[in-house]
Each structure stands twice: as C-alpha cells, then as structure tokens.
Amino acid sequence: GWFRQAPGQEREGVSCISSSGGSTN
C-alpha cells in the first residue's frame, strides 16, 4: 500500500495492490 500524511492530518491510504496484482484500490 501507498499511504500519505500531510501536516496536521491523519495518514490515509492512497492506493493499494494485492500480492498477485489482481486487486487494486
């Protein structure tokens, strides 16, 4: 997963991928 955190904000999920690559978000 790729996550990001801006100053003063909570960490959020940006984009994620399963081990096979068949499922993304």
mmCIF file of all heavy atoms, coordinates in Angstrom:
data_MODEL
# 
_entry.id   MODEL 
# 
loop_
_atom_site.group_PDB 
_atom_site.id 
_atom_site.type_symbol 
_atom_site.label_atom_id 
_atom_site.label_alt_id 
_atom_site.label_comp_id 
_atom_site.label_asym_id 
_atom_site.label_entity_id 
_atom_site.label_seq_id 
_atom_site.pdbx_PDB_ins_code 
_atom_site.Cartn_x 
_atom_site.Cartn_y 
_atom_site.Cartn_z 
_atom_site.occupancy 
_atom_site.B_iso_or_equiv 
_atom_site.pdbx_formal_charge 
_atom_site.auth_seq_id 
_atom_site.auth_comp_id 
_atom_site.auth_asym_id 
_atom_site.auth_atom_id 
_atom_site.pdbx_PDB_model_num 
ATOM 1   N N   . GLY A 1 1  ? 0.816   -1.201  0.000  1.00 0.00 ? 1  GLY A N   1 
ATOM 2   C CA  . GLY A 1 1  ? 0.000   0.000   0.000  1.00 0.00 ? 1  GLY A CA  1 
ATOM 3   C C   . GLY A 1 1  ? 0.852   1.254   0.000  1.00 0.00 ? 1  GLY A C   1 
ATOM 4   O O   . GLY A 1 1  ? 1.934   1.281   0.571  1.00 0.00 ? 1  GLY A O   1 
ATOM 5   N N   . TRP A 1 2  ? 0.332   2.269   -0.668 1.00 0.00 ? 2  TRP A N   1 
ATOM 6   C CA  . TRP A 1 2  ? 0.901   3.618   -0.578 1.00 0.00 ? 2  TRP A CA  1 
ATOM 7   C C   . TRP A 1 2  ? -0.020  4.452   0.303  1.00 0.00 ? 2  TRP A C   1 
ATOM 8   O O   . TRP A 1 2  ? -1.232  4.502   0.066  1.00 0.00 ? 2  TRP A O   1 
ATOM 9   C CB  . TRP A 1 2  ? 1.018   4.259   -1.952 1.00 0.00 ? 2  TRP A CB  1 
ATOM 10  C CG  . TRP A 1 2  ? 2.162   3.735   -2.768 1.00 0.00 ? 2  TRP A CG  1 
ATOM 11  C CD1 . TRP A 1 2  ? 2.115   2.792   -3.749 1.00 0.00 ? 2  TRP A CD1 1 
ATOM 12  C CD2 . TRP A 1 2  ? 3.529   4.133   -2.665 1.00 0.00 ? 2  TRP A CD2 1 
ATOM 13  N NE1 . TRP A 1 2  ? 3.371   2.566   -4.272 1.00 0.00 ? 2  TRP A NE1 1 
ATOM 14  C CE2 . TRP A 1 2  ? 4.261   3.382   -3.625 1.00 0.00 ? 2  TRP A CE2 1 
ATOM 15  C CE3 . TRP A 1 2  ? 4.231   5.048   -1.874 1.00 0.00 ? 2  TRP A CE3 1 
ATOM 16  C CZ2 . TRP A 1 2  ? 5.630   3.515   -3.795 1.00 0.00 ? 2  TRP A CZ2 1 
ATOM 17  C CZ3 . TRP A 1 2  ? 5.594   5.186   -2.045 1.00 0.00 ? 2  TRP A CZ3 1 
ATOM 18  C CH2 . TRP A 1 2  ? 6.282   4.425   -2.997 1.00 0.00 ? 2  TRP A CH2 1 
ATOM 19  N N   . PHE A 1 3  ? 0.561   5.092   1.296  1.00 0.00 ? 3  PHE A N   1 
ATOM 20  C CA  . PHE A 1 3  ? -0.169  5.944   2.220  1.00 0.00 ? 3  PHE A CA  1 
ATOM 21  C C   . PHE A 1 3  ? 0.496   7.311   2.209  1.00 0.00 ? 3  PHE A C   1 
ATOM 22  O O   . PHE A 1 3  ? 1.656   7.451   1.844  1.00 0.00 ? 3  PHE A O   1 
ATOM 23  C CB  . PHE A 1 3  ? -0.137  5.345   3.627  1.00 0.00 ? 3  PHE A CB  1 
ATOM 24  C CG  . PHE A 1 3  ? -0.769  3.973   3.703  1.00 0.00 ? 3  PHE A CG  1 
ATOM 25  C CD1 . PHE A 1 3  ? -0.035  2.840   3.369  1.00 0.00 ? 3  PHE A CD1 1 
ATOM 26  C CD2 . PHE A 1 3  ? -2.086  3.814   4.100  1.00 0.00 ? 3  PHE A CD2 1 
ATOM 27  C CE1 . PHE A 1 3  ? -0.614  1.572   3.414  1.00 0.00 ? 3  PHE A CE1 1 
ATOM 28  C CE2 . PHE A 1 3  ? -2.668  2.562   4.156  1.00 0.00 ? 3  PHE A CE2 1 
ATOM 29  C CZ  . PHE A 1 3  ? -1.933  1.440   3.807  1.00 0.00 ? 3  PHE A CZ  1 
ATOM 30  N N   . ARG A 1 4  ? -0.246  8.311   2.631  1.00 0.00 ? 4  ARG A N   1 
ATOM 31  C CA  . ARG A 1 4  ? 0.350   9.642   2.711  1.00 0.00 ? 4  ARG A CA  1 
ATOM 32  C C   . ARG A 1 4  ? -0.141  10.363  3.945  1.00 0.00 ? 4  ARG A C   1 
ATOM 33  O O   . ARG A 1 4  ? -1.231  10.079  4.465  1.00 0.00 ? 4  ARG A O   1 
ATOM 34  C CB  . ARG A 1 4  ? 0.050   10.459  1.462  1.00 0.00 ? 4  ARG A CB  1 
ATOM 35  C CG  . ARG A 1 4  ? -1.410  10.853  1.277  1.00 0.00 ? 4  ARG A CG  1 
ATOM 36  C CD  . ARG A 1 4  ? -1.604  11.543  -0.079 1.00 0.00 ? 4  ARG A CD  1 
ATOM 37  N NE  . ARG A 1 4  ? -2.998  11.951  -0.284 1.00 0.00 ? 4  ARG A NE  1 
ATOM 38  C CZ  . ARG A 1 4  ? -3.467  12.443  -1.428 1.00 0.00 ? 4  ARG A CZ  1 
ATOM 39  N NH1 . ARG A 1 4  ? -2.639  12.605  -2.478 1.00 0.00 ? 4  ARG A NH1 1 
ATOM 40  N NH2 . ARG A 1 4  ? -4.744  12.787  -1.548 1.00 0.00 ? 4  ARG A NH2 1 
ATOM 41  N N   . GLN A 1 5  ? 0.675   11.289  4.401  1.00 0.00 ? 5  GLN A N   1 
ATOM 42  C CA  . GLN A 1 5  ? 0.322   12.095  5.563  1.00 0.00 ? 5  GLN A CA  1 
ATOM 43  C C   . GLN A 1 5  ? 0.791   13.516  5.344  1.00 0.00 ? 5  GLN A C   1 
ATOM 44  O O   . GLN A 1 5  ? 1.986   13.759  5.156  1.00 0.00 ? 5  GLN A O   1 
ATOM 45  C CB  . GLN A 1 5  ? 0.931   11.514  6.832  1.00 0.00 ? 5  GLN A CB  1 
ATOM 46  C CG  . GLN A 1 5  ? 0.448   12.182  8.103  1.00 0.00 ? 5  GLN A CG  1 
ATOM 47  C CD  . GLN A 1 5  ? 0.788   11.389  9.341  1.00 0.00 ? 5  GLN A CD  1 
ATOM 48  O OE1 . GLN A 1 5  ? 1.693   10.553  9.352  1.00 0.00 ? 5  GLN A OE1 1 
ATOM 49  N NE2 . GLN A 1 5  ? 0.054   11.636  10.419 1.00 0.00 ? 5  GLN A NE2 1 
ATOM 50  N N   . ALA A 1 6  ? -0.165  14.415  5.371  1.00 0.00 ? 6  ALA A N   1 
ATOM 51  C CA  . ALA A 1 6  ? 0.125   15.843  5.271  1.00 0.00 ? 6  ALA A CA  1 
ATOM 52  C C   . ALA A 1 6  ? 0.200   16.431  6.678  1.00 0.00 ? 6  ALA A C   1 
ATOM 53  O O   . ALA A 1 6  ? -0.374  15.861  7.614  1.00 0.00 ? 6  ALA A O   1 
ATOM 54  C CB  . ALA A 1 6  ? -0.948  16.532  4.445  1.00 0.00 ? 6  ALA A CB  1 
ATOM 55  N N   . PRO A 1 7  ? 0.888   17.561  6.851  1.00 0.00 ? 7  PRO A N   1 
ATOM 56  C CA  . PRO A 1 7  ? 0.996   18.166  8.179  1.00 0.00 ? 7  PRO A CA  1 
ATOM 57  C C   . PRO A 1 7  ? -0.371  18.406  8.814  1.00 0.00 ? 7  PRO A C   1 
ATOM 58  O O   . PRO A 1 7  ? -1.277  18.948  8.166  1.00 0.00 ? 7  PRO A O   1 
ATOM 59  C CB  . PRO A 1 7  ? 1.722   19.480  7.902  1.00 0.00 ? 7  PRO A CB  1 
ATOM 60  C CG  . PRO A 1 7  ? 2.508   19.233  6.672  1.00 0.00 ? 7  PRO A CG  1 
ATOM 61  C CD  . PRO A 1 7  ? 1.652   18.310  5.847  1.00 0.00 ? 7  PRO A CD  1 
ATOM 62  N N   . GLY A 1 8  ? -0.535  17.960  10.041 1.00 0.00 ? 8  GLY A N   1 
ATOM 63  C CA  . GLY A 1 8  ? -1.780  18.166  10.760 1.00 0.00 ? 8  GLY A CA  1 
ATOM 64  C C   . GLY A 1 8  ? -2.908  17.250  10.370 1.00 0.00 ? 8  GLY A C   1 
ATOM 65  O O   . GLY A 1 8  ? -4.035  17.416  10.873 1.00 0.00 ? 8  GLY A O   1 
ATOM 66  N N   . GLN A 1 9  ? -2.648  16.302  9.492  1.00 0.00 ? 9  GLN A N   1 
ATOM 67  C CA  . GLN A 1 9  ? -3.688  15.391  9.033  1.00 0.00 ? 9  GLN A CA  1 
ATOM 68  C C   . GLN A 1 9  ? -3.326  13.951  9.365  1.00 0.00 ? 9  GLN A C   1 
ATOM 69  O O   . GLN A 1 9  ? -2.167  13.618  9.597  1.00 0.00 ? 9  GLN A O   1 
ATOM 70  C CB  . GLN A 1 9  ? -3.915  15.547  7.531  1.00 0.00 ? 9  GLN A CB  1 
ATOM 71  C CG  . GLN A 1 9  ? -4.393  16.925  7.117  1.00 0.00 ? 9  GLN A CG  1 
ATOM 72  C CD  . GLN A 1 9  ? -4.769  17.008  5.657  1.00 0.00 ? 9  GLN A CD  1 
ATOM 73  O OE1 . GLN A 1 9  ? -5.037  15.987  5.010  1.00 0.00 ? 9  GLN A OE1 1 
ATOM 74  N NE2 . GLN A 1 9  ? -4.814  18.216  5.124  1.00 0.00 ? 9  GLN A NE2 1 
ATOM 75  N N   . GLU A 1 10 ? -4.345  13.105  9.372  1.00 0.00 ? 10 GLU A N   1 
ATOM 76  C CA  . GLU A 1 10 ? -4.108  11.687  9.611  1.00 0.00 ? 10 GLU A CA  1 
ATOM 77  C C   . GLU A 1 10 ? -3.550  11.018  8.360  1.00 0.00 ? 10 GLU A C   1 
ATOM 78  O O   . GLU A 1 10 ? -3.751  11.490  7.239  1.00 0.00 ? 10 GLU A O   1 
ATOM 79  C CB  . GLU A 1 10 ? -5.410  11.006  10.032 1.00 0.00 ? 10 GLU A CB  1 
ATOM 80  C CG  . GLU A 1 10 ? -5.952  11.465  11.373 1.00 0.00 ? 10 GLU A CG  1 
ATOM 81  C CD  . GLU A 1 10 ? -7.161  10.664  11.812 1.00 0.00 ? 10 GLU A CD  1 
ATOM 82  O OE1 . GLU A 1 10 ? -7.631  9.814   11.040 1.00 0.00 ? 10 GLU A OE1 1 
ATOM 83  O OE2 . GLU A 1 10 ? -7.637  10.907  12.931 1.00 0.00 ? 10 GLU A OE2 1 
ATOM 84  N N   . ARG A 1 11 ? -2.865  9.909   8.591  1.00 0.00 ? 11 ARG A N   1 
ATOM 85  C CA  . ARG A 1 11 ? -2.358  9.128   7.473  1.00 0.00 ? 11 ARG A CA  1 
ATOM 86  C C   . ARG A 1 11 ? -3.526  8.487   6.739  1.00 0.00 ? 11 ARG A C   1 
ATOM 87  O O   . ARG A 1 11 ? -4.450  7.960   7.368  1.00 0.00 ? 11 ARG A O   1 
ATOM 88  C CB  . ARG A 1 11 ? -1.397  8.054   7.960  1.00 0.00 ? 11 ARG A CB  1 
ATOM 89  C CG  . ARG A 1 11 ? -0.668  7.313   6.876  1.00 0.00 ? 11 ARG A CG  1 
ATOM 90  C CD  . ARG A 1 11 ? 0.418   6.415   7.458  1.00 0.00 ? 11 ARG A CD  1 
ATOM 91  N NE  . ARG A 1 11 ? 1.452   7.180   8.143  1.00 0.00 ? 11 ARG A NE  1 
ATOM 92  C CZ  . ARG A 1 11 ? 2.564   6.638   8.617  1.00 0.00 ? 11 ARG A CZ  1 
ATOM 93  N NH1 . ARG A 1 11 ? 2.789   5.340   8.478  1.00 0.00 ? 11 ARG A NH1 1 
ATOM 94  N NH2 . ARG A 1 11 ? 3.455   7.387   9.239  1.00 0.00 ? 11 ARG A NH2 1 
ATOM 95  N N   . GLU A 1 12 ? -3.509  8.549   5.409  1.00 0.00 ? 12 GLU A N   1 
ATOM 96  C CA  . GLU A 1 12 ? -4.590  7.980   4.630  1.00 0.00 ? 12 GLU A CA  1 
ATOM 97  C C   . GLU A 1 12 ? -4.055  7.030   3.566  1.00 0.00 ? 12 GLU A C   1 
ATOM 98  O O   . GLU A 1 12 ? -2.946  7.204   3.059  1.00 0.00 ? 12 GLU A O   1 
ATOM 99  C CB  . GLU A 1 12 ? -5.416  9.086   3.950  1.00 0.00 ? 12 GLU A CB  1 
ATOM 100 C CG  . GLU A 1 12 ? -4.658  9.895   2.913  1.00 0.00 ? 12 GLU A CG  1 
ATOM 101 C CD  . GLU A 1 12 ? -5.555  10.782  2.078  1.00 0.00 ? 12 GLU A CD  1 
ATOM 102 O OE1 . GLU A 1 12 ? -6.777  10.545  2.025  1.00 0.00 ? 12 GLU A OE1 1 
ATOM 103 O OE2 . GLU A 1 12 ? -5.011  11.721  1.439  1.00 0.00 ? 12 GLU A OE2 1 
ATOM 104 N N   . GLY A 1 13 ? -4.856  6.041   3.241  1.00 0.00 ? 13 GLY A N   1 
ATOM 105 C CA  . GLY A 1 13 ? -4.498  5.114   2.185  1.00 0.00 ? 13 GLY A CA  1 
ATOM 106 C C   . GLY A 1 13 ? -4.726  5.761   0.829  1.00 0.00 ? 13 GLY A C   1 
ATOM 107 O O   . GLY A 1 13 ? -5.821  6.260   0.567  1.00 0.00 ? 13 GLY A O   1 
ATOM 108 N N   . VAL A 1 14 ? -3.716  5.765   -0.005 1.00 0.00 ? 14 VAL A N   1 
ATOM 109 C CA  . VAL A 1 14 ? -3.804  6.379   -1.319 1.00 0.00 ? 14 VAL A CA  1 
ATOM 110 C C   . VAL A 1 14 ? -4.138  5.328   -2.377 1.00 0.00 ? 14 VAL A C   1 
ATOM 111 O O   . VAL A 1 14 ? -5.084  5.472   -3.147 1.00 0.00 ? 14 VAL A O   1 
ATOM 112 C CB  . VAL A 1 14 ? -2.484  7.080   -1.681 1.00 0.00 ? 14 VAL A CB  1 
ATOM 113 C CG1 . VAL A 1 14 ? -2.524  7.613   -3.103 1.00 0.00 ? 14 VAL A CG1 1 
ATOM 114 C CG2 . VAL A 1 14 ? -2.183  8.192   -0.686 1.00 0.00 ? 14 VAL A CG2 1 
ATOM 115 N N   . SER A 1 15 ? -3.328  4.269   -2.396 1.00 0.00 ? 15 SER A N   1 
ATOM 116 C CA  . SER A 1 15 ? -3.538  3.207   -3.376 1.00 0.00 ? 15 SER A CA  1 
ATOM 117 C C   . SER A 1 15 ? -2.865  1.944   -2.880 1.00 0.00 ? 15 SER A C   1 
ATOM 118 O O   . SER A 1 15 ? -1.783  2.010   -2.304 1.00 0.00 ? 15 SER A O   1 
ATOM 119 C CB  . SER A 1 15 ? -2.960  3.609   -4.740 1.00 0.00 ? 15 SER A CB  1 
ATOM 120 O OG  . SER A 1 15 ? -3.220  2.595   -5.697 1.00 0.00 ? 15 SER A OG  1 
ATOM 121 N N   . CYS A 1 16 ? -3.514  0.821   -3.115 1.00 0.00 ? 16 CYS A N   1 
ATOM 122 C CA  . CYS A 1 16 ? -3.008  -0.447  -2.615 1.00 0.00 ? 16 CYS A CA  1 
ATOM 123 C C   . CYS A 1 16 ? -3.217  -1.541  -3.653 1.00 0.00 ? 16 CYS A C   1 
ATOM 124 O O   . CYS A 1 16 ? -4.117  -1.454  -4.497 1.00 0.00 ? 16 CYS A O   1 
ATOM 125 C CB  . CYS A 1 16 ? -3.715  -0.822  -1.315 1.00 0.00 ? 16 CYS A CB  1 
ATOM 126 S SG  . CYS A 1 16 ? -3.496  0.410   -0.010 1.00 0.00 ? 16 CYS A SG  1 
ATOM 127 N N   . ILE A 1 17 ? -2.383  -2.589  -3.537 1.00 0.00 ? 17 ILE A N   1 
ATOM 128 C CA  . ILE A 1 17 ? -2.423  -3.661  -4.520 1.00 0.00 ? 17 ILE A CA  1 
ATOM 129 C C   . ILE A 1 17 ? -2.185  -4.991  -3.819 1.00 0.00 ? 17 ILE A C   1 
ATOM 130 O O   . ILE A 1 17 ? -1.377  -5.089  -2.898 1.00 0.00 ? 17 ILE A O   1 
ATOM 131 C CB  . ILE A 1 17 ? -1.373  -3.403  -5.632 1.00 0.00 ? 17 ILE A CB  1 
ATOM 132 C CG1 . ILE A 1 17 ? -1.525  -4.387  -6.788 1.00 0.00 ? 17 ILE A CG1 1 
ATOM 133 C CG2 . ILE A 1 17 ? 0.047   -3.425  -5.070 1.00 0.00 ? 17 ILE A CG2 1 
ATOM 134 C CD1 . ILE A 1 17 ? -0.715  -3.974  -8.025 1.00 0.00 ? 17 ILE A CD1 1 
ATOM 135 N N   . SER A 1 18 ? -2.918  -6.002  -4.258 1.00 0.00 ? 18 SER A N   1 
ATOM 136 C CA  . SER A 1 18 ? -2.763  -7.323  -3.667 1.00 0.00 ? 18 SER A CA  1 
ATOM 137 C C   . SER A 1 18 ? -1.445  -7.963  -4.119 1.00 0.00 ? 18 SER A C   1 
ATOM 138 O O   . SER A 1 18 ? -0.771  -7.453  -5.018 1.00 0.00 ? 18 SER A O   1 
ATOM 139 C CB  . SER A 1 18 ? -3.940  -8.213  -4.078 1.00 0.00 ? 18 SER A CB  1 
ATOM 140 O OG  . SER A 1 18 ? -3.948  -8.377  -5.498 1.00 0.00 ? 18 SER A OG  1 
ATOM 141 N N   . SER A 1 19 ? -1.102  -9.083  -3.514 1.00 0.00 ? 19 SER A N   1 
ATOM 142 C CA  . SER A 1 19 ? 0.162   -9.742  -3.831 1.00 0.00 ? 19 SER A CA  1 
ATOM 143 C C   . SER A 1 19 ? 0.227   -10.183 -5.293 1.00 0.00 ? 19 SER A C   1 
ATOM 144 O O   . SER A 1 19 ? 1.290   -10.134 -5.918 1.00 0.00 ? 19 SER A O   1 
ATOM 145 C CB  . SER A 1 19 ? 0.381   -10.949 -2.918 1.00 0.00 ? 19 SER A CB  1 
ATOM 146 O OG  . SER A 1 19 ? -0.667  -11.895 -3.082 1.00 0.00 ? 19 SER A OG  1 
ATOM 147 N N   . SER A 1 20 ? -0.905  -10.571 -5.855 1.00 0.00 ? 20 SER A N   1 
ATOM 148 C CA  . SER A 1 20 ? -0.935  -11.014 -7.252 1.00 0.00 ? 20 SER A CA  1 
ATOM 149 C C   . SER A 1 20 ? -1.045  -9.863  -8.234 1.00 0.00 ? 20 SER A C   1 
ATOM 150 O O   . SER A 1 20 ? -0.812  -10.039 -9.439 1.00 0.00 ? 20 SER A O   1 
ATOM 151 C CB  . SER A 1 20 ? -2.133  -11.951 -7.472 1.00 0.00 ? 20 SER A CB  1 
ATOM 152 O OG  . SER A 1 20 ? -3.346  -11.230 -7.378 1.00 0.00 ? 20 SER A OG  1 
ATOM 153 N N   . GLY A 1 21 ? -1.423  -8.708  -7.734 1.00 0.00 ? 21 GLY A N   1 
ATOM 154 C CA  . GLY A 1 21 ? -1.669  -7.570  -8.615 1.00 0.00 ? 21 GLY A CA  1 
ATOM 155 C C   . GLY A 1 21 ? -3.075  -7.532  -9.170 1.00 0.00 ? 21 GLY A C   1 
ATOM 156 O O   . GLY A 1 21 ? -3.446  -6.594  -9.876 1.00 0.00 ? 21 GLY A O   1 
ATOM 157 N N   . GLY A 1 22 ? -3.866  -8.532  -8.832 1.00 0.00 ? 22 GLY A N   1 
ATOM 158 C CA  . GLY A 1 22 ? -5.197  -8.609  -9.401 1.00 0.00 ? 22 GLY A CA  1 
ATOM 159 C C   . GLY A 1 22 ? -6.232  -7.743  -8.726 1.00 0.00 ? 22 GLY A C   1 
ATOM 160 O O   . GLY A 1 22 ? -7.330  -7.552  -9.248 1.00 0.00 ? 22 GLY A O   1 
ATOM 161 N N   . SER A 1 23 ? -5.902  -7.222  -7.571 1.00 0.00 ? 23 SER A N   1 
ATOM 162 C CA  . SER A 1 23 ? -6.837  -6.378  -6.838 1.00 0.00 ? 23 SER A CA  1 
ATOM 163 C C   . SER A 1 23 ? -6.149  -5.074  -6.478 1.00 0.00 ? 23 SER A C   1 
ATOM 164 O O   . SER A 1 23 ? -5.092  -5.075  -5.860 1.00 0.00 ? 23 SER A O   1 
ATOM 165 C CB  . SER A 1 23 ? -7.297  -7.091  -5.559 1.00 0.00 ? 23 SER A CB  1 
ATOM 166 O OG  . SER A 1 23 ? -8.016  -6.219  -4.717 1.00 0.00 ? 23 SER A OG  1 
ATOM 167 N N   . THR A 1 24 ? -6.743  -3.964  -6.896 1.00 0.00 ? 24 THR A N   1 
ATOM 168 C CA  . THR A 1 24 ? -6.195  -2.653  -6.574 1.00 0.00 ? 24 THR A CA  1 
ATOM 169 C C   . THR A 1 24 ? -7.275  -1.783  -5.945 1.00 0.00 ? 24 THR A C   1 
ATOM 170 O O   . THR A 1 24 ? -8.477  -2.043  -6.114 1.00 0.00 ? 24 THR A O   1 
ATOM 171 C CB  . THR A 1 24 ? -5.634  -1.942  -7.816 1.00 0.00 ? 24 THR A CB  1 
ATOM 172 O OG1 . THR A 1 24 ? -6.683  -1.796  -8.791 1.00 0.00 ? 24 THR A OG1 1 
ATOM 173 C CG2 . THR A 1 24 ? -4.486  -2.711  -8.424 1.00 0.00 ? 24 THR A CG2 1 
ATOM 174 N N   . ASN A 1 25 ? -6.838  -0.765  -5.256 1.00 0.00 ? 25 ASN A N   1 
ATOM 175 C CA  . ASN A 1 25 ? -7.763  0.166   -4.617 1.00 0.00 ? 25 ASN A CA  1 
ATOM 176 C C   . ASN A 1 25 ? -7.175  1.576   -4.685 1.00 0.00 ? 25 ASN A C   1 
ATOM 177 O O   . ASN A 1 25 ? -5.954  1.741   -4.572 1.00 0.00 ? 25 ASN A O   1 
ATOM 178 C CB  . ASN A 1 25 ? -7.990  -0.246  -3.159 1.00 0.00 ? 25 ASN A CB  1 
ATOM 179 C CG  . ASN A 1 25 ? -9.068  0.585   -2.489 1.00 0.00 ? 25 ASN A CG  1 
ATOM 180 O OD1 . ASN A 1 25 ? -10.248 0.388   -2.738 1.00 0.00 ? 25 ASN A OD1 1 
ATOM 181 N ND2 . ASN A 1 25 ? -8.662  1.532   -1.657 1.00 0.00 ? 25 ASN A ND2 1 
# 
